[in-house]
Each structure stands twice: as structure tokens, then as C-alpha cells.
PDB file of N, CA and C in Angstrom:
ATOM      1  N   MET A   1     -28.322 -17.160   1.817  1.00  0.00           N
ATOM      2  CA  MET A   1     -27.507 -16.164   1.108  1.00  0.00           C
ATOM      3  C   MET A   1     -28.394 -15.128   0.522  1.00  0.00           C
ATOM      4  N   ALA A   2     -28.036 -13.881   0.745  1.00  0.00           N
ATOM      5  CA  ALA A   2     -28.864 -12.768   0.194  1.00  0.00           C
ATOM      6  C   ALA A   2     -28.654 -12.607  -1.334  1.00  0.00           C
ATOM      7  N   LYS A   3     -29.674 -12.255  -2.017  1.00  0.00           N
ATOM      8  CA  LYS A   3     -29.604 -12.053  -3.440  1.00  0.00           C
ATOM      9  C   LYS A   3     -28.989 -10.708  -3.757  1.00  0.00           C
ATOM     10  N   MET A   4     -28.019 -10.631  -4.594  1.00  0.00           N
ATOM     11  CA  MET A   4     -27.395  -9.423  -4.951  1.00  0.00           C
ATOM     12  C   MET A   4     -28.372  -8.665  -5.889  1.00  0.00           C
ATOM     13  N   SER A   5     -28.525  -7.335  -5.662  1.00  0.00           N
ATOM     14  CA  SER A   5     -29.373  -6.602  -6.447  1.00  0.00           C
ATOM     15  C   SER A   5     -28.776  -6.379  -7.873  1.00  0.00           C
ATOM     16  N   LYS A   6     -29.615  -6.169  -8.859  1.00  0.00           N
ATOM     17  CA  LYS A   6     -29.267  -5.892 -10.216  1.00  0.00           C
ATOM     18  C   LYS A   6     -28.445  -4.540 -10.243  1.00  0.00           C
ATOM     19  N   PHE A   7     -28.777  -3.612  -9.427  1.00  0.00           N
ATOM     20  CA  PHE A   7     -28.042  -2.373  -9.328  1.00  0.00           C
ATOM     21  C   PHE A   7     -26.553  -2.600  -9.059  1.00  0.00           C
ATOM     22  N   ILE A   8     -26.344  -3.442  -8.066  1.00  0.00           N
ATOM     23  CA  ILE A   8     -24.892  -3.713  -7.694  1.00  0.00           C
ATOM     24  C   ILE A   8     -24.227  -4.557  -8.816  1.00  0.00           C
ATOM     25  N   ARG A   9     -24.914  -5.582  -9.264  1.00  0.00           N
ATOM     26  CA  ARG A   9     -24.363  -6.449 -10.348  1.00  0.00           C
ATOM     27  C   ARG A   9     -23.949  -5.562 -11.530  1.00  0.00           C
ATOM     28  N   ASP A  10     -24.819  -4.647 -11.935  1.00  0.00           N
ATOM     29  CA  ASP A  10     -24.634  -3.806 -13.135  1.00  0.00           C
ATOM     30  C   ASP A  10     -23.374  -2.900 -12.960  1.00  0.00           C
ATOM     31  N   ILE A  11     -23.236  -2.325 -11.769  1.00  0.00           N
ATOM     32  CA  ILE A  11     -22.078  -1.418 -11.548  1.00  0.00           C
ATOM     33  C   ILE A  11     -20.766  -2.285 -11.628  1.00  0.00           C
ATOM     34  N   LEU A  12     -20.793  -3.485 -10.959  1.00  0.00           N
ATOM     35  CA  LEU A  12     -19.638  -4.316 -10.913  1.00  0.00           C
ATOM     36  C   LEU A  12     -19.246  -4.711 -12.381  1.00  0.00           C
ATOM     37  N   LYS A  13     -20.258  -5.147 -13.189  1.00  0.00           N
ATOM     38  CA  LYS A  13     -20.001  -5.620 -14.508  1.00  0.00           C
ATOM     39  C   LYS A  13     -19.558  -4.468 -15.359  1.00  0.00           C
ATOM     40  N   ALA A  14     -20.005  -3.306 -15.211  1.00  0.00           N
ATOM     41  CA  ALA A  14     -19.624  -2.136 -15.956  1.00  0.00           C
ATOM     42  C   ALA A  14     -18.180  -1.793 -15.726  1.00  0.00           C
ATOM     43  N   ASN A  15     -17.672  -2.237 -14.565  1.00  0.00           N
ATOM     44  CA  ASN A  15     -16.250  -2.036 -14.251  1.00  0.00           C
ATOM     45  C   ASN A  15     -15.394  -3.250 -14.456  1.00  0.00           C
ATOM     46  N   ASP A  16     -15.884  -4.237 -15.234  1.00  0.00           N
ATOM     47  CA  ASP A  16     -15.196  -5.442 -15.516  1.00  0.00           C
ATOM     48  C   ASP A  16     -14.793  -6.301 -14.359  1.00  0.00           C
ATOM     49  N   VAL A  17     -15.723  -6.313 -13.362  1.00  0.00           N
ATOM     50  CA  VAL A  17     -15.513  -7.106 -12.180  1.00  0.00           C
ATOM     51  C   VAL A  17     -16.723  -8.120 -12.076  1.00  0.00           C
ATOM     52  N   ASP A  18     -16.368  -9.371 -11.889  1.00  0.00           N
ATOM     53  CA  ASP A  18     -17.367 -10.483 -11.824  1.00  0.00           C
ATOM     54  C   ASP A  18     -17.930 -10.449 -10.411  1.00  0.00           C
ATOM     55  N   PRO A  19     -19.278 -10.183 -10.242  1.00  0.00           N
ATOM     56  CA  PRO A  19     -19.785 -10.098  -8.891  1.00  0.00           C
ATOM     57  C   PRO A  19     -19.650 -11.418  -8.123  1.00  0.00           C
ATOM     58  N   ARG A  20     -19.631 -12.524  -8.776  1.00  0.00           N
ATOM     59  CA  ARG A  20     -19.439 -13.884  -8.089  1.00  0.00           C
ATOM     60  C   ARG A  20     -18.087 -13.986  -7.455  1.00  0.00           C
ATOM     61  N   GLU A  21     -17.095 -13.334  -7.997  1.00  0.00           N
ATOM     62  CA  GLU A  21     -15.671 -13.391  -7.519  1.00  0.00           C
ATOM     63  C   GLU A  21     -15.290 -12.269  -6.641  1.00  0.00           C
ATOM     64  N   ALA A  22     -16.043 -11.142  -6.883  1.00  0.00           N
ATOM     65  CA  ALA A  22     -15.690  -9.858  -6.166  1.00  0.00           C
ATOM     66  C   ALA A  22     -16.250  -9.728  -4.667  1.00  0.00           C
ATOM     67  N   CYS A  23     -17.336 -10.432  -4.468  1.00  0.00           N
ATOM     68  CA  CYS A  23     -18.101 -10.162  -3.328  1.00  0.00           C
ATOM     69  C   CYS A  23     -18.414 -11.448  -2.520  1.00  0.00           C
ATOM     70  N   TRP A  24     -18.706 -11.307  -1.208  1.00  0.00           N
ATOM     71  CA  TRP A  24     -19.151 -12.346  -0.435  1.00  0.00           C
ATOM     72  C   TRP A  24     -20.263 -11.914   0.492  1.00  0.00           C
ATOM     73  N   ASP A  25     -21.162 -12.787   0.821  1.00  0.00           N
ATOM     74  CA  ASP A  25     -22.367 -12.561   1.686  1.00  0.00           C
ATOM     75  C   ASP A  25     -21.942 -12.688   3.110  1.00  0.00           C
ATOM     76  N   CYS A  26     -22.041 -11.624   3.865  1.00  0.00           N
ATOM     77  CA  CYS A  26     -21.724 -11.664   5.266  1.00  0.00           C
ATOM     78  C   CYS A  26     -22.983 -11.412   6.089  1.00  0.00           C
ATOM     79  N   HIS A  27     -23.617 -12.506   6.345  1.00  0.00           N
ATOM     80  CA  HIS A  27     -24.904 -12.508   7.058  1.00  0.00           C
ATOM     81  C   HIS A  27     -25.979 -11.541   6.460  1.00  0.00           C
ATOM     82  N   GLY A  28     -26.105 -11.633   5.128  1.00  0.00           N
ATOM     83  CA  GLY A  28     -27.073 -10.839   4.414  1.00  0.00           C
ATOM     84  C   GLY A  28     -26.590  -9.460   3.919  1.00  0.00           C
ATOM     85  N   THR A  29     -25.382  -9.141   4.181  1.00  0.00           N
ATOM     86  CA  THR A  29     -24.807  -7.884   3.698  1.00  0.00           C
ATOM     87  C   THR A  29     -23.653  -8.228   2.747  1.00  0.00           C
ATOM     88  N   TRP A  30     -23.687  -7.651   1.622  1.00  0.00           N
ATOM     89  CA  TRP A  30     -22.613  -7.871   0.588  1.00  0.00           C
ATOM     90  C   TRP A  30     -21.395  -7.110   0.900  1.00  0.00           C
ATOM     91  N   VAL A  31     -20.248  -7.839   0.874  1.00  0.00           N
ATOM     92  CA  VAL A  31     -18.957  -7.244   1.075  1.00  0.00           C
ATOM     93  C   VAL A  31     -18.057  -7.494  -0.105  1.00  0.00           C
ATOM     94  N   ILE A  32     -17.349  -6.487  -0.512  1.00  0.00           N
ATOM     95  CA  ILE A  32     -16.521  -6.573  -1.733  1.00  0.00           C
ATOM     96  C   ILE A  32     -15.030  -6.618  -1.279  1.00  0.00           C
ATOM     97  N   TYR A  33     -14.287  -7.402  -1.930  1.00  0.00           N
ATOM     98  CA  TYR A  33     -12.828  -7.515  -1.617  1.00  0.00           C
ATOM     99  C   TYR A  33     -12.090  -6.299  -2.112  1.00  0.00           C
ATOM    100  N   HIS A  34     -11.062  -5.972  -1.358  1.00  0.00           N
ATOM    101  CA  HIS A  34     -10.226  -4.805  -1.646  1.00  0.00           C
ATOM    102  C   HIS A  34      -9.604  -4.906  -3.036  1.00  0.00           C
ATOM    103  N   LYS A  35      -9.131  -6.088  -3.410  1.00  0.00           N
ATOM    104  CA  LYS A  35      -8.559  -6.269  -4.789  1.00  0.00           C
ATOM    105  C   LYS A  35      -9.526  -5.913  -5.901  1.00  0.00           C
ATOM    106  N   SER A  36     -10.799  -6.203  -5.681  1.00  0.00           N
ATOM    107  CA  SER A  36     -11.834  -5.815  -6.665  1.00  0.00           C
ATOM    108  C   SER A  36     -12.056  -4.337  -6.678  1.00  0.00           C
ATOM    109  N   LEU A  37     -12.040  -3.704  -5.544  1.00  0.00           N
ATOM    110  CA  LEU A  37     -12.101  -2.275  -5.554  1.00  0.00           C
ATOM    111  C   LEU A  37     -10.929  -1.594  -6.253  1.00  0.00           C
ATOM    112  N   GLU A  38      -9.781  -2.137  -6.110  1.00  0.00           N
ATOM    113  CA  GLU A  38      -8.558  -1.659  -6.823  1.00  0.00           C
ATOM    114  C   GLU A  38      -8.757  -1.715  -8.271  1.00  0.00           C
ATOM    115  N   ARG A  39      -9.383  -2.822  -8.769  1.00  0.00           N
ATOM    116  CA  ARG A  39      -9.627  -2.957 -10.232  1.00  0.00           C
ATOM    117  C   ARG A  39     -10.625  -1.988 -10.683  1.00  0.00           C
ATOM    118  N   ILE A  40     -11.635  -1.764  -9.845  1.00  0.00           N
ATOM    119  CA  ILE A  40     -12.658  -0.754 -10.249  1.00  0.00           C
ATOM    120  C   ILE A  40     -12.062   0.602 -10.271  1.00  0.00           C
ATOM    121  N   ALA A  41     -11.238   0.934  -9.324  1.00  0.00           N
ATOM    122  CA  ALA A  41     -10.606   2.266  -9.314  1.00  0.00           C
ATOM    123  C   ALA A  41      -9.734   2.453 -10.513  1.00  0.00           C
ATOM    124  N   ALA A  42      -9.000   1.420 -10.957  1.00  0.00           N
ATOM    125  CA  ALA A  42      -8.168   1.538 -12.151  1.00  0.00           C
ATOM    126  C   ALA A  42      -9.050   1.703 -13.380  1.00  0.00           C
ATOM    127  N   LYS A  43     -10.102   0.899 -13.533  1.00  0.00           N
ATOM    128  CA  LYS A  43     -10.993   1.010 -14.697  1.00  0.00           C
ATOM    129  C   LYS A  43     -11.654   2.360 -14.712  1.00  0.00           C
ATOM    130  N   ALA A  44     -12.105   2.888 -13.632  1.00  0.00           N
ATOM    131  CA  ALA A  44     -12.789   4.175 -13.508  1.00  0.00           C
ATOM    132  C   ALA A  44     -11.875   5.380 -13.497  1.00  0.00           C
ATOM    133  N   SER A  45     -10.539   5.134 -13.587  1.00  0.00           N
ATOM    134  CA  SER A  45      -9.535   6.188 -13.537  1.00  0.00           C
ATOM    135  C   SER A  45      -9.677   7.050 -12.263  1.00  0.00           C
ATOM    136  N   ILE A  46      -9.890   6.418 -11.162  1.00  0.00           N
ATOM    137  CA  ILE A  46      -9.984   7.157  -9.898  1.00  0.00           C
ATOM    138  C   ILE A  46      -8.495   7.406  -9.463  1.00  0.00           C
ATOM    139  N   LYS A  47      -8.316   8.656  -9.051  1.00  0.00           N
ATOM    140  CA  LYS A  47      -7.011   9.149  -8.601  1.00  0.00           C
ATOM    141  C   LYS A  47      -7.071   9.503  -7.184  1.00  0.00           C
ATOM    142  N   PHE A  48      -6.009   9.241  -6.394  1.00  0.00           N
ATOM    143  CA  PHE A  48      -5.904   9.628  -5.011  1.00  0.00           C
ATOM    144  C   PHE A  48      -4.722  10.611  -4.854  1.00  0.00           C
ATOM    145  N   PRO A  49      -4.915  11.936  -4.995  1.00  0.00           N
ATOM    146  CA  PRO A  49      -3.837  12.831  -4.875  1.00  0.00           C
ATOM    147  C   PRO A  49      -3.129  12.770  -3.487  1.00  0.00           C
ATOM    148  N   PRO A  50      -1.918  12.414  -3.407  1.00  0.00           N
ATOM    149  CA  PRO A  50      -1.285  12.253  -2.141  1.00  0.00           C
ATOM    150  C   PRO A  50      -1.284  13.528  -1.307  1.00  0.00           C
ATOM    151  N   GLU A  51      -1.247  14.634  -1.915  1.00  0.00           N
ATOM    152  CA  GLU A  51      -1.224  15.898  -1.151  1.00  0.00           C
ATOM    153  C   GLU A  51      -2.520  16.168  -0.473  1.00  0.00           C
ATOM    154  N   GLU A  52      -3.623  15.446  -0.868  1.00  0.00           N
ATOM    155  CA  GLU A  52      -4.931  15.665  -0.257  1.00  0.00           C
ATOM    156  C   GLU A  52      -5.152  14.730   0.941  1.00  0.00           C
ATOM    157  N   THR A  53      -4.316  13.772   1.123  1.00  0.00           N
ATOM    158  CA  THR A  53      -4.447  12.865   2.307  1.00  0.00           C
ATOM    159  C   THR A  53      -4.062  13.518   3.531  1.00  0.00           C
ATOM    160  N   ARG A  54      -4.872  13.449   4.595  1.00  0.00           N
ATOM    161  CA  ARG A  54      -4.538  14.072   5.795  1.00  0.00           C
ATOM    162  C   ARG A  54      -4.444  12.998   6.958  1.00  0.00           C
ATOM    163  N   VAL A  55      -3.401  13.096   7.750  1.00  0.00           N
ATOM    164  CA  VAL A  55      -3.294  12.164   8.895  1.00  0.00           C
ATOM    165  C   VAL A  55      -4.091  12.805  10.040  1.00  0.00           C
ATOM    166  N   LEU A  56      -5.017  12.060  10.506  1.00  0.00           N
ATOM    167  CA  LEU A  56      -5.954  12.521  11.579  1.00  0.00           C
ATOM    168  C   LEU A  56      -5.460  12.027  12.954  1.00  0.00           C
ATOM    169  N   GLU A  57      -4.884  10.815  12.964  1.00  0.00           N
ATOM    170  CA  GLU A  57      -4.322  10.261  14.188  1.00  0.00           C
ATOM    171  C   GLU A  57      -3.123   9.424  13.721  1.00  0.00           C
ATOM    172  N   ALA A  58      -2.039   9.467  14.538  1.00  0.00           N
ATOM    173  CA  ALA A  58      -0.880   8.724  14.217  1.00  0.00           C
ATOM    174  C   ALA A  58      -0.258   8.321  15.531  1.00  0.00           C
ATOM    175  N   ASN A  59      -0.501   7.074  15.969  1.00  0.00           N
ATOM    176  CA  ASN A  59       0.072   6.560  17.203  1.00  0.00           C
ATOM    177  C   ASN A  59       0.464   5.174  16.941  1.00  0.00           C
ATOM    178  N   GLY A  60       1.584   4.988  16.241  1.00  0.00           N
ATOM    179  CA  GLY A  60       2.150   3.696  15.884  1.00  0.00           C
ATOM    180  C   GLY A  60       2.439   2.812  17.053  1.00  0.00           C
ATOM    181  N   ALA A  61       2.841   3.395  18.171  1.00  0.00           N
ATOM    182  CA  ALA A  61       3.155   2.605  19.389  1.00  0.00           C
ATOM    183  C   ALA A  61       1.884   1.923  19.892  1.00  0.00           C
ATOM    184  N   ASN A  62       0.753   2.511  19.801  1.00  0.00           N
ATOM    185  CA  ASN A  62      -0.502   1.939  20.195  1.00  0.00           C
ATOM    186  C   ASN A  62      -1.250   1.279  19.113  1.00  0.00           C
ATOM    187  N   GLY A  63      -0.711   1.240  17.895  1.00  0.00           N
ATOM    188  CA  GLY A  63      -1.334   0.568  16.753  1.00  0.00           C
ATOM    189  C   GLY A  63      -2.574   1.328  16.262  1.00  0.00           C
ATOM    190  N   CYS A  64      -2.611   2.623  16.413  1.00  0.00           N
ATOM    191  CA  CYS A  64      -3.714   3.377  15.996  1.00  0.00           C
ATOM    192  C   CYS A  64      -3.360   4.394  14.828  1.00  0.00           C
ATOM    193  N   ALA A  65      -4.204   4.471  13.836  1.00  0.00           N
ATOM    194  CA  ALA A  65      -4.031   5.368  12.702  1.00  0.00           C
ATOM    195  C   ALA A  65      -5.314   5.703  12.135  1.00  0.00           C
ATOM    196  N   ALA A  66      -5.472   6.994  11.753  1.00  0.00           N
ATOM    197  CA  ALA A  66      -6.680   7.421  11.012  1.00  0.00           C
ATOM    198  C   ALA A  66      -6.281   8.450  10.030  1.00  0.00           C
ATOM    199  N   LEU A  67      -6.821   8.244   8.817  1.00  0.00           N
ATOM    200  CA  LEU A  67      -6.478   9.196   7.707  1.00  0.00           C
ATOM    201  C   LEU A  67      -7.734   9.655   7.064  1.00  0.00           C
ATOM    202  N   MET A  68      -7.686  10.859   6.473  1.00  0.00           N
ATOM    203  CA  MET A  68      -8.776  11.330   5.589  1.00  0.00           C
ATOM    204  C   MET A  68      -8.252  11.222   4.183  1.00  0.00           C
ATOM    205  N   VAL A  69      -8.917  10.388   3.398  1.00  0.00           N
ATOM    206  CA  VAL A  69      -8.448  10.072   2.004  1.00  0.00           C
ATOM    207  C   VAL A  69      -9.404  10.820   1.067  1.00  0.00           C
ATOM    208  N   VAL A  70      -8.840  11.407   0.042  1.00  0.00           N
ATOM    209  CA  VAL A  70      -9.584  12.111  -0.987  1.00  0.00           C
ATOM    210  C   VAL A  70      -9.405  11.408  -2.301  1.00  0.00           C
ATOM    211  N   GLY A  71     -10.476  11.211  -3.065  1.00  0.00           N
ATOM    212  CA  GLY A  71     -10.353  10.543  -4.358  1.00  0.00           C
ATOM    213  C   GLY A  71     -11.111  11.349  -5.440  1.00  0.00           C
ATOM    214  N   GLN A  72     -10.595  11.286  -6.685  1.00  0.00           N
ATOM    215  CA  GLN A  72     -11.213  12.044  -7.761  1.00  0.00           C
ATOM    216  C   GLN A  72     -11.491  11.082  -8.963  1.00  0.00           C
ATOM    217  N   MET A  73     -12.678  11.252  -9.498  1.00  0.00           N
ATOM    218  CA  MET A  73     -13.069  10.513 -10.730  1.00  0.00           C
ATOM    219  C   MET A  73     -13.599  11.526 -11.673  1.00  0.00           C
ATOM    220  N   GLY A  74     -12.732  11.989 -12.597  1.00  0.00           N
ATOM    221  CA  GLY A  74     -13.159  13.061 -13.535  1.00  0.00           C
ATOM    222  C   GLY A  74     -13.252  14.342 -12.610  1.00  0.00           C
ATOM    223  N   ASP A  75     -14.360  15.021 -12.633  1.00  0.00           N
ATOM    224  CA  ASP A  75     -14.538  16.237 -11.881  1.00  0.00           C
ATOM    225  C   ASP A  75     -15.267  15.999 -10.582  1.00  0.00           C
ATOM    226  N   HIS A  76     -15.525  14.738 -10.215  1.00  0.00           N
ATOM    227  CA  HIS A  76     -16.222  14.352  -8.997  1.00  0.00           C
ATOM    228  C   HIS A  76     -15.160  14.017  -7.943  1.00  0.00           C
ATOM    229  N   THR A  77     -15.354  14.640  -6.789  1.00  0.00           N
ATOM    230  CA  THR A  77     -14.410  14.380  -5.665  1.00  0.00           C
ATOM    231  C   THR A  77     -15.204  13.908  -4.480  1.00  0.00           C
ATOM    232  N   GLU A  78     -14.628  12.969  -3.817  1.00  0.00           N
ATOM    233  CA  GLU A  78     -15.201  12.419  -2.518  1.00  0.00           C
ATOM    234  C   GLU A  78     -14.095  12.254  -1.446  1.00  0.00           C
ATOM    235  N   TRP A  79     -14.457  12.239  -0.258  1.00  0.00           N
ATOM    236  CA  TRP A  79     -13.516  11.909   0.828  1.00  0.00           C
ATOM    237  C   TRP A  79     -14.068  10.996   1.779  1.00  0.00           C
ATOM    238  N   ALA A  80     -13.262  10.299   2.566  1.00  0.00           N
ATOM    239  CA  ALA A  80     -13.722   9.398   3.615  1.00  0.00           C
ATOM    240  C   ALA A  80     -12.535   9.205   4.633  1.00  0.00           C
ATOM    241  N   THR A  81     -12.876   8.760   5.794  1.00  0.00           N
ATOM    242  CA  THR A  81     -11.911   8.455   6.783  1.00  0.00           C
ATOM    243  C   THR A  81     -11.579   6.930   6.670  1.00  0.00           C
ATOM    244  N   GLY A  82     -10.412   6.600   7.069  1.00  0.00           N
ATOM    245  CA  GLY A  82     -10.010   5.271   7.202  1.00  0.00           C
ATOM    246  C   GLY A  82      -9.283   5.140   8.507  1.00  0.00           C
ATOM    247  N   GLU A  83      -9.654   4.138   9.300  1.00  0.00           N
ATOM    248  CA  GLU A  83      -9.071   4.100  10.653  1.00  0.00           C
ATOM    249  C   GLU A  83      -8.697   2.659  10.961  1.00  0.00           C
ATOM    250  N   ALA A  84      -7.749   2.487  11.853  1.00  0.00           N
ATOM    251  CA  ALA A  84      -7.400   1.206  12.339  1.00  0.00           C
ATOM    252  C   ALA A  84      -6.816   1.338  13.806  1.00  0.00           C
ATOM    253  N   SER A  85      -7.296   0.492  14.667  1.00  0.00           N
ATOM    254  CA  SER A  85      -6.835   0.403  16.031  1.00  0.00           C
ATOM    255  C   SER A  85      -6.914  -1.017  16.473  1.00  0.00           C
ATOM    256  N   PRO A  86      -6.377  -1.337  17.589  1.00  0.00           N
ATOM    257  CA  PRO A  86      -6.450  -2.716  18.089  1.00  0.00           C
ATOM    258  C   PRO A  86      -7.812  -3.218  18.296  1.00  0.00           C
ATOM    259  N   SER A  87      -8.793  -2.286  18.459  1.00  0.00           N
ATOM    260  CA  SER A  87     -10.159  -2.727  18.652  1.00  0.00           C
ATOM    261  C   SER A  87     -10.912  -3.151  17.389  1.00  0.00           C
ATOM    262  N   ASN A  88     -10.325  -2.780  16.183  1.00  0.00           N
ATOM    263  CA  ASN A  88     -10.929  -3.090  14.908  1.00  0.00           C
ATOM    264  C   ASN A  88      -9.932  -3.670  13.906  1.00  0.00           C
ATOM    265  N   ASN A  89      -8.819  -4.021  14.317  1.00  0.00           N
ATOM    266  CA  ASN A  89      -7.722  -4.436  13.467  1.00  0.00           C
ATOM    267  C   ASN A  89      -6.813  -5.503  14.147  1.00  0.00           C
ATOM    268  N   LYS A  90      -6.608  -6.614  13.503  1.00  0.00           N
ATOM    269  CA  LYS A  90      -5.824  -7.621  14.131  1.00  0.00           C
ATOM    270  C   LYS A  90      -4.435  -7.699  13.599  1.00  0.00           C
ATOM    271  N   ASN A  91      -4.042  -6.994  12.542  1.00  0.00           N
ATOM    272  CA  ASN A  91      -2.725  -7.039  12.006  1.00  0.00           C
ATOM    273  C   ASN A  91      -1.915  -5.829  12.644  1.00  0.00           C
ATOM    274  N   SER A  92      -0.590  -5.887  12.328  1.00  0.00           N
ATOM    275  CA  SER A  92       0.318  -4.932  12.881  1.00  0.00           C
ATOM    276  C   SER A  92       0.611  -3.739  11.996  1.00  0.00           C
ATOM    277  N   PHE A  93      -0.219  -3.565  10.979  1.00  0.00           N
ATOM    278  CA  PHE A  93       0.029  -2.540   9.949  1.00  0.00           C
ATOM    279  C   PHE A  93      -1.139  -1.522  10.012  1.00  0.00           C
ATOM    280  N   ALA A  94      -1.242  -0.753  11.078  1.00  0.00           N
ATOM    281  CA  ALA A  94      -2.392   0.163  11.243  1.00  0.00           C
ATOM    282  C   ALA A  94      -2.427   1.211  10.114  1.00  0.00           C
ATOM    283  N   TYR A  95      -1.300   1.740   9.687  1.00  0.00           N
ATOM    284  CA  TYR A  95      -1.366   2.774   8.673  1.00  0.00           C
ATOM    285  C   TYR A  95      -1.841   2.229   7.308  1.00  0.00           C
ATOM    286  N   ALA A  96      -1.326   1.090   6.932  1.00  0.00           N
ATOM    287  CA  ALA A  96      -1.795   0.435   5.726  1.00  0.00           C
ATOM    288  C   ALA A  96      -3.334   0.122   5.737  1.00  0.00           C
ATOM    289  N   MET A  97      -3.717  -0.402   6.884  1.00  0.00           N
ATOM    290  CA  MET A  97      -5.153  -0.733   7.020  1.00  0.00           C
ATOM    291  C   MET A  97      -6.018   0.493   6.973  1.00  0.00           C
ATOM    292  N   ALA A  98      -5.600   1.635   7.606  1.00  0.00           N
ATOM    293  CA  ALA A  98      -6.290   2.840   7.560  1.00  0.00           C
ATOM    294  C   ALA A  98      -6.393   3.371   6.154  1.00  0.00           C
ATOM    295  N   GLU A  99      -5.280   3.382   5.380  1.00  0.00           N
ATOM    296  CA  GLU A  99      -5.269   3.772   4.022  1.00  0.00           C
ATOM    297  C   GLU A  99      -6.229   2.911   3.147  1.00  0.00           C
ATOM    298  N   LYS A 100      -6.216   1.623   3.284  1.00  0.00           N
ATOM    299  CA  LYS A 100      -7.030   0.683   2.544  1.00  0.00           C
ATOM    300  C   LYS A 100      -8.511   0.968   2.807  1.00  0.00           C
ATOM    301  N   ARG A 101      -8.851   1.144   4.093  1.00  0.00           N
ATOM    302  CA  ARG A 101     -10.241   1.438   4.469  1.00  0.00           C
ATOM    303  C   ARG A 101     -10.715   2.780   3.900  1.00  0.00           C
ATOM    304  N   GLY A 102      -9.880   3.737   3.988  1.00  0.00           N
ATOM    305  CA  GLY A 102     -10.265   5.082   3.454  1.00  0.00           C
ATOM    306  C   GLY A 102     -10.464   5.064   1.898  1.00  0.00           C
ATOM    307  N   LYS A 103      -9.470   4.458   1.252  1.00  0.00           N
ATOM    308  CA  LYS A 103      -9.588   4.366  -0.234  1.00  0.00           C
ATOM    309  C   LYS A 103     -10.825   3.521  -0.683  1.00  0.00           C
ATOM    310  N   ASP A 104     -11.008   2.382  -0.011  1.00  0.00           N
ATOM    311  CA  ASP A 104     -12.159   1.528  -0.361  1.00  0.00           C
ATOM    312  C   ASP A 104     -13.526   2.363  -0.235  1.00  0.00           C
ATOM    313  N   ARG A 105     -13.600   3.152   0.871  1.00  0.00           N
ATOM    314  CA  ARG A 105     -14.850   3.936   1.074  1.00  0.00           C
ATOM    315  C   ARG A 105     -14.980   4.989   0.004  1.00  0.00           C
ATOM    316  N   VAL A 106     -13.929   5.597  -0.318  1.00  0.00           N
ATOM    317  CA  VAL A 106     -13.984   6.642  -1.430  1.00  0.00           C
ATOM    318  C   VAL A 106     -14.324   6.006  -2.806  1.00  0.00           C
ATOM    319  N   ILE A 107     -13.810   4.876  -3.088  1.00  0.00           N
ATOM    320  CA  ILE A 107     -14.170   4.238  -4.357  1.00  0.00           C
ATOM    321  C   ILE A 107     -15.633   3.868  -4.296  1.00  0.00           C
ATOM    322  N   LEU A 108     -16.125   3.281  -3.249  1.00  0.00           N
ATOM    323  CA  LEU A 108     -17.565   2.949  -3.190  1.00  0.00           C
ATOM    324  C   LEU A 108     -18.401   4.179  -3.387  1.00  0.00           C
ATOM    325  N   LYS A 109     -18.015   5.357  -2.803  1.00  0.00           N
ATOM    326  CA  LYS A 109     -18.758   6.583  -3.039  1.00  0.00           C
ATOM    327  C   LYS A 109     -18.748   7.025  -4.523  1.00  0.00           C
ATOM    328  N   LEU A 110     -17.560   7.044  -5.046  1.00  0.00           N
ATOM    329  CA  LEU A 110     -17.421   7.540  -6.392  1.00  0.00           C
ATOM    330  C   LEU A 110     -18.133   6.698  -7.488  1.00  0.00           C
ATOM    331  N   VAL A 111     -18.180   5.421  -7.283  1.00  0.00           N
ATOM    332  CA  VAL A 111     -18.867   4.551  -8.286  1.00  0.00           C
ATOM    333  C   VAL A 111     -20.320   4.313  -7.956  1.00  0.00           C
ATOM    334  N   GLY A 112     -20.860   4.854  -6.874  1.00  0.00           N
ATOM    335  CA  GLY A 112     -22.255   4.761  -6.491  1.00  0.00           C
ATOM    336  C   GLY A 112     -22.680   3.512  -5.685  1.00  0.00           C
ATOM    337  N   LEU A 113     -21.663   2.910  -5.032  1.00  0.00           N
ATOM    338  CA  LEU A 113     -21.952   1.732  -4.234  1.00  0.00           C
ATOM    339  C   LEU A 113     -21.967   1.899  -2.749  1.00  0.00           C
ATOM    340  N   SER A 114     -21.753   3.185  -2.340  1.00  0.00           N
ATOM    341  CA  SER A 114     -21.666   3.386  -0.896  1.00  0.00           C
ATOM    342  C   SER A 114     -23.054   3.117  -0.223  1.00  0.00           C
ATOM    343  N   GLY A 115     -23.024   2.394   0.811  1.00  0.00           N
ATOM    344  CA  GLY A 115     -24.262   2.002   1.468  1.00  0.00           C
ATOM    345  C   GLY A 115     -24.900   0.766   0.854  1.00  0.00           C
ATOM    346  N   GLU A 116     -24.470   0.351  -0.293  1.00  0.00           N
ATOM    347  CA  GLU A 116     -24.984  -0.832  -0.974  1.00  0.00           C
ATOM    348  C   GLU A 116     -24.096  -2.119  -0.734  1.00  0.00           C
ATOM    349  N   VAL A 117     -22.783  -1.814  -0.634  1.00  0.00           N
ATOM    350  CA  VAL A 117     -21.768  -2.830  -0.450  1.00  0.00           C
ATOM    351  C   VAL A 117     -20.728  -2.320   0.568  1.00  0.00           C
ATOM    352  N   TYR A 118     -20.178  -3.227   1.314  1.00  0.00           N
ATOM    353  CA  TYR A 118     -19.090  -2.800   2.214  1.00  0.00           C
ATOM    354  C   TYR A 118     -17.828  -3.480   1.828  1.00  0.00           C
ATOM    355  N   SER A 119     -16.712  -2.897   2.366  1.00  0.00           N
ATOM    356  CA  SER A 119     -15.431  -3.545   2.020  1.00  0.00           C
ATOM    357  C   SER A 119     -14.718  -4.139   3.312  1.00  0.00           C
TER     358      SER A 119
END
């Protein structure tokens, strides 16, 4: 099991998230659960203006969806793509998975964990 860095632990604790419950070690890479990122977003007052979300691909019949998601934390804004297709998603909810992935990536960017932890 990889040792979690103090940097990651400190950010999680600052957002009232227990690193032992929020993350798991995936072959040496730390992965954070979506529910933990939702808690972090609430604590950090991260907003996702619906009018800023852009549909990049919409093909429900083929189970493919891609969204550009924008998030704001105070005056800091970040964006990311979220995508889902049969090649990277096993459930039948491509749009929900694309939204989850996009939001998770934005949260990681806004709180300084992008590239340190995956979701």
C-alpha cells in the first residue's frame, strides 16, 4: 500500500474528510470516492453554474456522453471534461457518469488535488 502524502492528508482534513475513509489505494495511486468529493465541494462552497455546462457529445443510443463542466470556488474558476462510453463505463447511465467525472475533476482542480489523487 502506498503511503499517502501529508499534502493530500492536510487538504482532506481541512475539508472535514477522513483520508482513511475517503480514499483507496489502487496499485500505488490514491483514488478518492465521489461522495467524499461531494462533501469537499459543499465545505469549500464550490458551485457548478448549470448555464456553464456544455454538452460535447450526446449519443444515448450508443451509451456515449461528454460534458464540459465549469466550477467556481470564490473567484477561482476551473473546467474539465467528463466522458462516458461503453469502452470506459459499465453502467447504463452515460450522462450521469459524464457529469460525475467532470465535476470530480473540477473539484480536484479547485482544491489543489489534481494530479495527486484520482476519482
